[in-house]
Amino acid sequence: MRYSVLTSGSCGNAYAFFDGKTTILIDMGLTLTGLKRRLLDAKIPYESIKALFLTHLHPDHVKGAGVLFRNINVDIFLSQSMKEGGESILLKLGLKSDNYFTFSYGEKVIIDDFEITSFQTSHDCQGSVGYRIVNGSYSFFLMTDTGVVPERAIELAKCSNVLFVESNYDDVMLENGKYPYVLKRRVRGERGHLSNAQAHDFIIDSNLNDKTIYFIHVSQNNNSIEKLNEMVSTLPLNNRYIICERGKSYWE
């Protein structure tokens, strides 16, 4: 199994999971050229992409979805609520209703040896979701772009080996930063993003042990590697932590 944070942050988001035969993508916030280059770096064949699952329909997560579909006819999956609230966005991407599949929250989707389960998140984009991905003995958890931690997320995180968890902003940096008040309120609201403190509490409250945890979707303006390192220093030492800098790729 190979997996990669292809890119993460407001500049774009995409994650890949490859079992030697099939690749599952979560989000496509890259150009096609950028996707191919980052997959090559991660030693994941572009031609192995079988399905693309979307967390929500903001541009930094979906801007390349239509191009990818037209290039390799990939199967695209999104929540039914996401489709209902975002049909105009999907059309702008060049995706018609017969170009994608919908699922209900919690429904399992099987793609070859992958089993993908969604859970509802809380973001200012209708139908947003996180995912748990299972393939044999490997289990992954991805939660990003949510203002609160859903109860279901705690259950799924506990039974996953590798976690990708949003840690978007530092409270003090956001408060003292240059964002206008309305945007600050959006970021820290219940339909915004998770802070470093919320990510920290999620790991503690979920009693997560012996996990590999990637911190993703780190803000360029309202967070820093130093602040994240401070937060990580207070977490259980038996986990492995990787802080994903904005726009950089990470793979294993």
C-alpha atoms as a PDB file:
ATOM      1  CA  MET A   1       0.000   0.000   0.000  1.00  0.00           C
ATOM      2  CA  ARG A   2       1.211   3.491  -0.894  1.00  0.00           C
ATOM      3  CA  TYR A   3      -0.558   6.664   0.138  1.00  0.00           C
ATOM      4  CA  SER A   4       0.095  10.344  -0.284  1.00  0.00           C
ATOM      5  CA  VAL A   5      -0.955  13.792   0.792  1.00  0.00           C
ATOM      6  CA  LEU A   6      -0.511  15.109  -2.746  1.00  0.00           C
ATOM      7  CA  THR A   7      -1.248  18.656  -1.603  1.00  0.00           C
ATOM      8  CA  SER A   8      -3.103  20.279   1.268  1.00  0.00           C
ATOM      9  CA  GLY A   9      -4.230  23.804   2.110  1.00  0.00           C
ATOM     10  CA  SER A  10      -6.199  26.640   0.560  1.00  0.00           C
ATOM     11  CA  CYS A  11      -4.025  26.334  -2.580  1.00  0.00           C
ATOM     12  CA  GLY A  12      -5.439  22.870  -3.267  1.00  0.00           C
ATOM     13  CA  ASN A  13      -6.222  19.506  -1.687  1.00  0.00           C
ATOM     14  CA  ALA A  14      -5.793  15.943  -2.962  1.00  0.00           C
ATOM     15  CA  TYR A  15      -5.010  12.574  -1.350  1.00  0.00           C
ATOM     16  CA  ALA A  16      -4.169   9.253  -3.029  1.00  0.00           C
ATOM     17  CA  PHE A  17      -4.344   5.619  -1.863  1.00  0.00           C
ATOM     18  CA  PHE A  18      -2.781   2.900  -4.052  1.00  0.00           C
ATOM     19  CA  ASP A  19      -2.804  -0.845  -3.270  1.00  0.00           C
ATOM     20  CA  GLY A  20      -0.597  -1.932  -6.175  1.00  0.00           C
ATOM     21  CA  LYS A  21      -3.540  -2.210  -8.550  1.00  0.00           C
ATOM     22  CA  THR A  22      -6.106   0.501  -7.867  1.00  0.00           C
ATOM     23  CA  THR A  23      -5.830   4.127  -6.774  1.00  0.00           C
ATOM     24  CA  ILE A  24      -8.548   5.982  -4.902  1.00  0.00           C
ATOM     25  CA  LEU A  25      -8.367   9.785  -4.862  1.00  0.00           C
ATOM     26  CA  ILE A  26      -9.948  11.974  -2.223  1.00  0.00           C
ATOM     27  CA  ASP A  27     -10.497  15.461  -3.689  1.00  0.00           C
ATOM     28  CA  MET A  28      -8.962  16.932  -6.823  1.00  0.00           C
ATOM     29  CA  GLY A  29      -7.843  20.482  -6.096  1.00  0.00           C
ATOM     30  CA  LEU A  30      -4.967  20.277  -8.590  1.00  0.00           C
ATOM     31  CA  THR A  31      -4.419  20.826 -12.282  1.00  0.00           C
ATOM     32  CA  LEU A  32      -4.044  17.627 -14.277  1.00  0.00           C
ATOM     33  CA  THR A  33      -0.343  18.391 -14.801  1.00  0.00           C
ATOM     34  CA  GLY A  34       0.124  18.984 -11.084  1.00  0.00           C
ATOM     35  CA  LEU A  35      -1.651  15.737 -10.229  1.00  0.00           C
ATOM     36  CA  LYS A  36       0.475  13.681 -12.613  1.00  0.00           C
ATOM     37  CA  ARG A  37       3.715  15.218 -11.340  1.00  0.00           C
ATOM     38  CA  ARG A  38       2.883  14.603  -7.687  1.00  0.00           C
ATOM     39  CA  LEU A  39       1.698  11.047  -8.343  1.00  0.00           C
ATOM     40  CA  LEU A  40       4.962  10.374 -10.163  1.00  0.00           C
ATOM     41  CA  ASP A  41       6.923  11.647  -7.158  1.00  0.00           C
ATOM     42  CA  ALA A  42       4.881   9.344  -4.895  1.00  0.00           C
ATOM     43  CA  LYS A  43       5.398   6.378  -7.281  1.00  0.00           C
ATOM     44  CA  ILE A  44       1.646   6.000  -7.819  1.00  0.00           C
ATOM     45  CA  PRO A  45       0.638   5.306 -11.455  1.00  0.00           C
ATOM     46  CA  TYR A  46      -1.755   7.858 -12.891  1.00  0.00           C
ATOM     47  CA  GLU A  47      -3.411   5.135 -14.973  1.00  0.00           C
ATOM     48  CA  SER A  48      -4.357   3.245 -11.787  1.00  0.00           C
ATOM     49  CA  ILE A  49      -6.876   5.896 -10.671  1.00  0.00           C
ATOM     50  CA  LYS A  50     -10.260   4.192 -10.466  1.00  0.00           C
ATOM     51  CA  ALA A  51     -12.380   6.570  -8.401  1.00  0.00           C
ATOM     52  CA  LEU A  52     -12.492  10.103  -7.024  1.00  0.00           C
ATOM     53  CA  PHE A  53     -14.365  10.865  -3.801  1.00  0.00           C
ATOM     54  CA  LEU A  54     -15.180  14.485  -2.924  1.00  0.00           C
ATOM     55  CA  THR A  55     -15.283  15.952   0.590  1.00  0.00           C
ATOM     56  CA  HIS A  56     -17.184  19.076  -0.573  1.00  0.00           C
ATOM     57  CA  LEU A  57     -17.484  21.392  -3.546  1.00  0.00           C
ATOM     58  CA  HIS A  58     -15.202  24.330  -2.713  1.00  0.00           C
ATOM     59  CA  PRO A  59     -12.732  25.049  -5.544  1.00  0.00           C
ATOM     60  CA  ASP A  60      -9.589  24.110  -3.607  1.00  0.00           C
ATOM     61  CA  HIS A  61     -10.997  20.575  -3.382  1.00  0.00           C
ATOM     62  CA  VAL A  62     -12.695  20.065  -6.757  1.00  0.00           C
ATOM     63  CA  LYS A  63     -11.318  22.464  -9.371  1.00  0.00           C
ATOM     64  CA  GLY A  64      -9.646  19.652 -11.329  1.00  0.00           C
ATOM     65  CA  ALA A  65     -12.434  17.071 -11.047  1.00  0.00           C
ATOM     66  CA  GLY A  66     -14.027  17.764 -14.424  1.00  0.00           C
ATOM     67  CA  VAL A  67     -10.716  17.720 -16.283  1.00  0.00           C
ATOM     68  CA  LEU A  68      -9.769  14.429 -14.617  1.00  0.00           C
ATOM     69  CA  PHE A  69     -13.114  12.892 -15.583  1.00  0.00           C
ATOM     70  CA  ARG A  70     -12.746  13.916 -19.205  1.00  0.00           C
ATOM     71  CA  ASN A  71      -9.156  12.648 -19.325  1.00  0.00           C
ATOM     72  CA  ILE A  72      -9.590   9.146 -17.889  1.00  0.00           C
ATOM     73  CA  ASN A  73     -13.364   8.781 -17.315  1.00  0.00           C
ATOM     74  CA  VAL A  74     -12.847   8.270 -13.573  1.00  0.00           C
ATOM     75  CA  ASP A  75     -15.833   7.320 -11.391  1.00  0.00           C
ATOM     76  CA  ILE A  76     -16.734  10.303  -9.182  1.00  0.00           C
ATOM     77  CA  PHE A  77     -18.564   9.903  -5.877  1.00  0.00           C
ATOM     78  CA  LEU A  78     -20.225  12.537  -3.703  1.00  0.00           C
ATOM     79  CA  SER A  79     -22.940  12.673  -1.082  1.00  0.00           C
ATOM     80  CA  GLN A  80     -26.545  13.012  -2.219  1.00  0.00           C
ATOM     81  CA  SER A  81     -26.839  16.221  -0.206  1.00  0.00           C
ATOM     82  CA  MET A  82     -23.694  17.594  -1.867  1.00  0.00           C
ATOM     83  CA  LYS A  83     -25.222  16.955  -5.277  1.00  0.00           C
ATOM     84  CA  GLU A  84     -28.529  18.568  -4.312  1.00  0.00           C
ATOM     85  CA  GLY A  85     -26.841  21.713  -3.040  1.00  0.00           C
ATOM     86  CA  GLY A  86     -24.167  21.987  -5.698  1.00  0.00           C
ATOM     87  CA  GLU A  87     -25.600  21.078  -9.097  1.00  0.00           C
ATOM     88  CA  SER A  88     -24.609  24.477 -10.528  1.00  0.00           C
ATOM     89  CA  ILE A  89     -21.012  23.996  -9.346  1.00  0.00           C
ATOM     90  CA  LEU A  90     -20.888  20.522 -10.853  1.00  0.00           C
ATOM     91  CA  LEU A  91     -22.137  21.887 -14.169  1.00  0.00           C
ATOM     92  CA  LYS A  92     -19.435  24.582 -14.122  1.00  0.00           C
ATOM     93  CA  LEU A  93     -16.908  21.765 -13.705  1.00  0.00           C
ATOM     94  CA  GLY A  94     -18.399  20.145 -16.796  1.00  0.00           C
ATOM     95  CA  LEU A  95     -19.987  17.294 -14.830  1.00  0.00           C
ATOM     96  CA  LYS A  96     -23.520  16.210 -15.671  1.00  0.00           C
ATOM     97  CA  SER A  97     -25.742  14.032 -13.493  1.00  0.00           C
ATOM     98  CA  ASP A  98     -24.768  10.873 -15.358  1.00  0.00           C
ATOM     99  CA  ASN A  99     -21.048  11.574 -14.799  1.00  0.00           C
ATOM    100  CA  TYR A 100     -21.057  10.835 -11.042  1.00  0.00           C
ATOM    101  CA  PHE A 101     -22.557   8.634  -8.341  1.00  0.00           C
ATOM    102  CA  THR A 102     -24.131   9.684  -5.052  1.00  0.00           C
ATOM    103  CA  PHE A 103     -24.221   8.008  -1.649  1.00  0.00           C
ATOM    104  CA  SER A 104     -25.972   8.544   1.684  1.00  0.00           C
ATOM    105  CA  TYR A 105     -24.020   9.382   4.835  1.00  0.00           C
ATOM    106  CA  GLY A 106     -22.551   6.202   6.275  1.00  0.00           C
ATOM    107  CA  GLU A 107     -23.143   4.134   3.148  1.00  0.00           C
ATOM    108  CA  LYS A 108     -20.233   1.860   2.185  1.00  0.00           C
ATOM    109  CA  VAL A 109     -18.888   2.071  -1.362  1.00  0.00           C
ATOM    110  CA  ILE A 110     -16.757  -0.802  -2.685  1.00  0.00           C
ATOM    111  CA  ILE A 111     -14.087  -0.123  -5.321  1.00  0.00           C
ATOM    112  CA  ASP A 112     -12.088  -3.299  -6.019  1.00  0.00           C
ATOM    113  CA  ASP A 113     -10.418  -4.077  -2.656  1.00  0.00           C
ATOM    114  CA  PHE A 114     -11.203  -0.661  -1.159  1.00  0.00           C
ATOM    115  CA  GLU A 115     -14.143  -0.025   1.155  1.00  0.00           C
ATOM    116  CA  ILE A 116     -14.976   3.666   1.585  1.00  0.00           C
ATOM    117  CA  THR A 117     -17.377   4.932   4.260  1.00  0.00           C
ATOM    118  CA  SER A 118     -18.428   8.556   4.627  1.00  0.00           C
ATOM    119  CA  PHE A 119     -19.449  10.575   7.677  1.00  0.00           C
ATOM    120  CA  GLN A 120     -21.124  13.975   7.759  1.00  0.00           C
ATOM    121  CA  THR A 121     -18.973  17.001   8.586  1.00  0.00           C
ATOM    122  CA  SER A 122     -19.938  20.606   9.373  1.00  0.00           C
ATOM    123  CA  HIS A 123     -18.807  23.126   6.758  1.00  0.00           C
ATOM    124  CA  ASP A 124     -20.347  26.013   4.860  1.00  0.00           C
ATOM    125  CA  CYS A 125     -20.814  23.856   1.800  1.00  0.00           C
ATOM    126  CA  GLN A 126     -23.855  21.585   1.715  1.00  0.00           C
ATOM    127  CA  GLY A 127     -23.273  17.838   1.980  1.00  0.00           C
ATOM    128  CA  SER A 128     -19.655  17.959   3.187  1.00  0.00           C
ATOM    129  CA  VAL A 129     -18.182  14.658   4.352  1.00  0.00           C
ATOM    130  CA  GLY A 130     -15.106  12.935   5.728  1.00  0.00           C
ATOM    131  CA  TYR A 131     -14.069   9.368   4.931  1.00  0.00           C
ATOM    132  CA  ARG A 132     -12.757   6.119   6.349  1.00  0.00           C
ATOM    133  CA  ILE A 133     -10.941   3.979   3.771  1.00  0.00           C
ATOM    134  CA  VAL A 134     -10.187   0.300   4.375  1.00  0.00           C
ATOM    135  CA  ASN A 135      -8.123  -2.106   2.267  1.00  0.00           C
ATOM    136  CA  GLY A 136      -7.128  -5.377   3.925  1.00  0.00           C
ATOM    137  CA  SER A 137      -5.208  -4.592   7.109  1.00  0.00           C
ATOM    138  CA  TYR A 138      -4.868  -0.897   6.178  1.00  0.00           C
ATOM    139  CA  SER A 139      -7.372   1.646   7.439  1.00  0.00           C
ATOM    140  CA  PHE A 140      -7.317   5.398   6.865  1.00  0.00           C
ATOM    141  CA  PHE A 141      -9.361   8.264   8.301  1.00  0.00           C
ATOM    142  CA  LEU A 142      -9.676  11.703   6.693  1.00  0.00           C
ATOM    143  CA  MET A 143     -11.409  14.684   8.307  1.00  0.00           C
ATOM    144  CA  THR A 144     -11.008  18.171   6.897  1.00  0.00           C
ATOM    145  CA  ASP A 145     -13.038  21.380   6.487  1.00  0.00           C
ATOM    146  CA  THR A 146     -15.309  21.020   9.473  1.00  0.00           C
ATOM    147  CA  GLY A 147     -16.019  23.475  12.263  1.00  0.00           C
ATOM    148  CA  VAL A 148     -16.833  20.788  14.827  1.00  0.00           C
ATOM    149  CA  VAL A 149     -15.841  17.158  15.325  1.00  0.00           C
ATOM    150  CA  PRO A 150     -18.790  14.851  14.575  1.00  0.00           C
ATOM    151  CA  GLU A 151     -19.442  12.067  17.076  1.00  0.00           C
ATOM    152  CA  ARG A 152     -19.232   9.507  14.284  1.00  0.00           C
ATOM    153  CA  ALA A 153     -15.730  10.728  13.455  1.00  0.00           C
ATOM    154  CA  ILE A 154     -14.453   9.723  16.891  1.00  0.00           C
ATOM    155  CA  GLU A 155     -15.738   6.171  16.419  1.00  0.00           C
ATOM    156  CA  LEU A 156     -14.177   5.833  12.964  1.00  0.00           C
ATOM    157  CA  ALA A 157     -10.860   7.367  14.025  1.00  0.00           C
ATOM    158  CA  LYS A 158     -10.450   4.866  16.840  1.00  0.00           C
ATOM    159  CA  CYS A 159     -10.589   1.941  14.400  1.00  0.00           C
ATOM    160  CA  SER A 160      -8.215   3.477  11.820  1.00  0.00           C
ATOM    161  CA  ASN A 161      -4.416   3.181  11.634  1.00  0.00           C
ATOM    162  CA  VAL A 162      -3.493   6.320   9.675  1.00  0.00           C
ATOM    163  CA  LEU A 163      -5.346   9.590  10.241  1.00  0.00           C
ATOM    164  CA  PHE A 164      -5.460  12.824   8.256  1.00  0.00           C
ATOM    165  CA  VAL A 165      -6.849  15.512  10.555  1.00  0.00           C
ATOM    166  CA  GLU A 166      -7.419  19.189   9.815  1.00  0.00           C
ATOM    167  CA  SER A 167      -5.492  21.627  12.013  1.00  0.00           C
ATOM    168  CA  ASN A 168      -6.221  24.845  10.173  1.00  0.00           C
ATOM    169  CA  TYR A 169      -5.543  27.772  12.485  1.00  0.00           C
ATOM    170  CA  ASP A 170      -4.098  28.972  15.764  1.00  0.00           C
ATOM    171  CA  ASP A 171      -6.678  30.890  17.810  1.00  0.00           C
ATOM    172  CA  VAL A 172      -4.351  33.755  18.744  1.00  0.00           C
ATOM    173  CA  MET A 173      -2.923  34.147  15.244  1.00  0.00           C
ATOM    174  CA  LEU A 174      -6.424  34.257  13.764  1.00  0.00           C
ATOM    175  CA  GLU A 175      -7.637  36.777  16.346  1.00  0.00           C
ATOM    176  CA  ASN A 176      -4.637  39.059  15.854  1.00  0.00           C
ATOM    177  CA  GLY A 177      -4.398  38.575  12.095  1.00  0.00           C
ATOM    178  CA  LYS A 178      -5.480  40.732   9.177  1.00  0.00           C
ATOM    179  CA  TYR A 179      -8.666  38.861   8.277  1.00  0.00           C
ATOM    180  CA  PRO A 180     -11.827  41.001   8.543  1.00  0.00           C
ATOM    181  CA  TYR A 181     -14.124  40.126  11.432  1.00  0.00           C
ATOM    182  CA  VAL A 182     -16.686  38.403   9.191  1.00  0.00           C
ATOM    183  CA  LEU A 183     -14.031  36.036   7.807  1.00  0.00           C
ATOM    184  CA  LYS A 184     -12.595  35.354  11.264  1.00  0.00           C
ATOM    185  CA  ARG A 185     -16.075  34.428  12.452  1.00  0.00           C
ATOM    186  CA  ARG A 186     -16.516  32.111   9.476  1.00  0.00           C
ATOM    187  CA  VAL A 187     -13.189  30.315  10.025  1.00  0.00           C
ATOM    188  CA  ARG A 188     -13.782  29.645  13.734  1.00  0.00           C
ATOM    189  CA  GLY A 189     -17.513  29.022  13.432  1.00  0.00           C
ATOM    190  CA  GLU A 190     -19.297  25.687  13.642  1.00  0.00           C
ATOM    191  CA  ARG A 191     -19.337  25.518   9.832  1.00  0.00           C
ATOM    192  CA  GLY A 192     -15.734  26.618   9.380  1.00  0.00           C
ATOM    193  CA  HIS A 193     -12.445  24.874  10.145  1.00  0.00           C
ATOM    194  CA  LEU A 194     -10.778  23.003  13.005  1.00  0.00           C
ATOM    195  CA  SER A 195      -8.214  24.896  15.068  1.00  0.00           C
ATOM    196  CA  ASN A 196      -4.995  23.477  16.507  1.00  0.00           C
ATOM    197  CA  ALA A 197      -6.736  23.307  19.880  1.00  0.00           C
ATOM    198  CA  GLN A 198      -9.692  21.392  18.434  1.00  0.00           C
ATOM    199  CA  ALA A 199      -7.389  18.942  16.647  1.00  0.00           C
ATOM    200  CA  HIS A 200      -5.499  18.465  19.910  1.00  0.00           C
ATOM    201  CA  ASP A 201      -8.701  17.839  21.876  1.00  0.00           C
ATOM    202  CA  PHE A 202      -9.976  15.438  19.212  1.00  0.00           C
ATOM    203  CA  ILE A 203      -6.878  13.254  19.605  1.00  0.00           C
ATOM    204  CA  ILE A 204      -7.026  13.386  23.408  1.00  0.00           C
ATOM    205  CA  ASP A 205     -10.797  12.902  23.690  1.00  0.00           C
ATOM    206  CA  SER A 206     -10.728  10.018  21.194  1.00  0.00           C
ATOM    207  CA  ASN A 207      -7.966   8.334  23.219  1.00  0.00           C
ATOM    208  CA  LEU A 208      -5.990   7.705  20.047  1.00  0.00           C
ATOM    209  CA  ASN A 209      -2.916   5.518  20.545  1.00  0.00           C
ATOM    210  CA  ASP A 210      -0.379   3.871  18.232  1.00  0.00           C
ATOM    211  CA  LYS A 211      -1.568   5.881  15.211  1.00  0.00           C
ATOM    212  CA  THR A 212       0.128   7.783  12.421  1.00  0.00           C
ATOM    213  CA  ILE A 213      -1.477  11.231  12.346  1.00  0.00           C
ATOM    214  CA  TYR A 214      -1.043  13.795   9.577  1.00  0.00           C
ATOM    215  CA  PHE A 215      -2.104  17.380  10.309  1.00  0.00           C
ATOM    216  CA  ILE A 216      -3.591  18.814   7.111  1.00  0.00           C
ATOM    217  CA  HIS A 217      -5.170  21.955   5.632  1.00  0.00           C
ATOM    218  CA  VAL A 218      -2.802  24.235   7.578  1.00  0.00           C
ATOM    219  CA  SER A 219      -3.537  27.937   7.023  1.00  0.00           C
ATOM    220  CA  GLN A 220      -0.800  30.062   5.504  1.00  0.00           C
ATOM    221  CA  ASN A 221      -1.989  33.207   7.300  1.00  0.00           C
ATOM    222  CA  ASN A 222      -3.351  31.960  10.623  1.00  0.00           C
ATOM    223  CA  ASN A 223      -1.048  29.098  11.580  1.00  0.00           C
ATOM    224  CA  SER A 224       2.626  28.156  11.624  1.00  0.00           C
ATOM    225  CA  ILE A 225       4.811  25.077  11.873  1.00  0.00           C
ATOM    226  CA  GLU A 226       6.081  26.451  15.204  1.00  0.00           C
ATOM    227  CA  LYS A 227       2.556  26.667  16.629  1.00  0.00           C
ATOM    228  CA  LEU A 228       1.773  23.159  15.434  1.00  0.00           C
ATOM    229  CA  ASN A 229       4.981  21.804  16.941  1.00  0.00           C
ATOM    230  CA  GLU A 230       3.988  23.376  20.247  1.00  0.00           C
ATOM    231  CA  MET A 231       0.617  21.628  20.064  1.00  0.00           C
ATOM    232  CA  VAL A 232       2.153  18.283  19.063  1.00  0.00           C
ATOM    233  CA  SER A 233       4.548  18.421  22.032  1.00  0.00           C
ATOM    234  CA  THR A 234       1.542  18.079  24.365  1.00  0.00           C
ATOM    235  CA  LEU A 235       0.122  14.985  22.634  1.00  0.00           C
ATOM    236  CA  PRO A 236       0.673  11.278  23.506  1.00  0.00           C
ATOM    237  CA  LEU A 237       4.156  10.190  22.479  1.00  0.00           C
ATOM    238  CA  ASN A 238       3.125   6.752  21.240  1.00  0.00           C
ATOM    239  CA  ASN A 239       1.580   8.272  18.109  1.00  0.00           C
ATOM    240  CA  ARG A 240       3.573   9.381  15.069  1.00  0.00           C
ATOM    241  CA  TYR A 241       2.851  12.939  13.904  1.00  0.00           C
ATOM    242  CA  ILE A 242       3.493  14.573  10.533  1.00  0.00           C
ATOM    243  CA  ILE A 243       2.743  18.270   9.990  1.00  0.00           C
ATOM    244  CA  CYS A 244       1.850  18.903   6.345  1.00  0.00           C
ATOM    245  CA  GLU A 245       3.086  22.261   5.143  1.00  0.00           C
ATOM    246  CA  ARG A 246       0.792  24.090   2.760  1.00  0.00           C
ATOM    247  CA  GLY A 247       1.147  22.901  -0.837  1.00  0.00           C
ATOM    248  CA  LYS A 248       3.778  20.230  -0.141  1.00  0.00           C
ATOM    249  CA  SER A 249       3.500  16.500  -0.862  1.00  0.00           C
ATOM    250  CA  TYR A 250       4.036  13.643   1.601  1.00  0.00           C
ATOM    251  CA  TRP A 251       3.959   9.935   0.835  1.00  0.00           C
ATOM    252  CA  GLU A 252       4.652   6.491   2.276  1.00  0.00           C
END
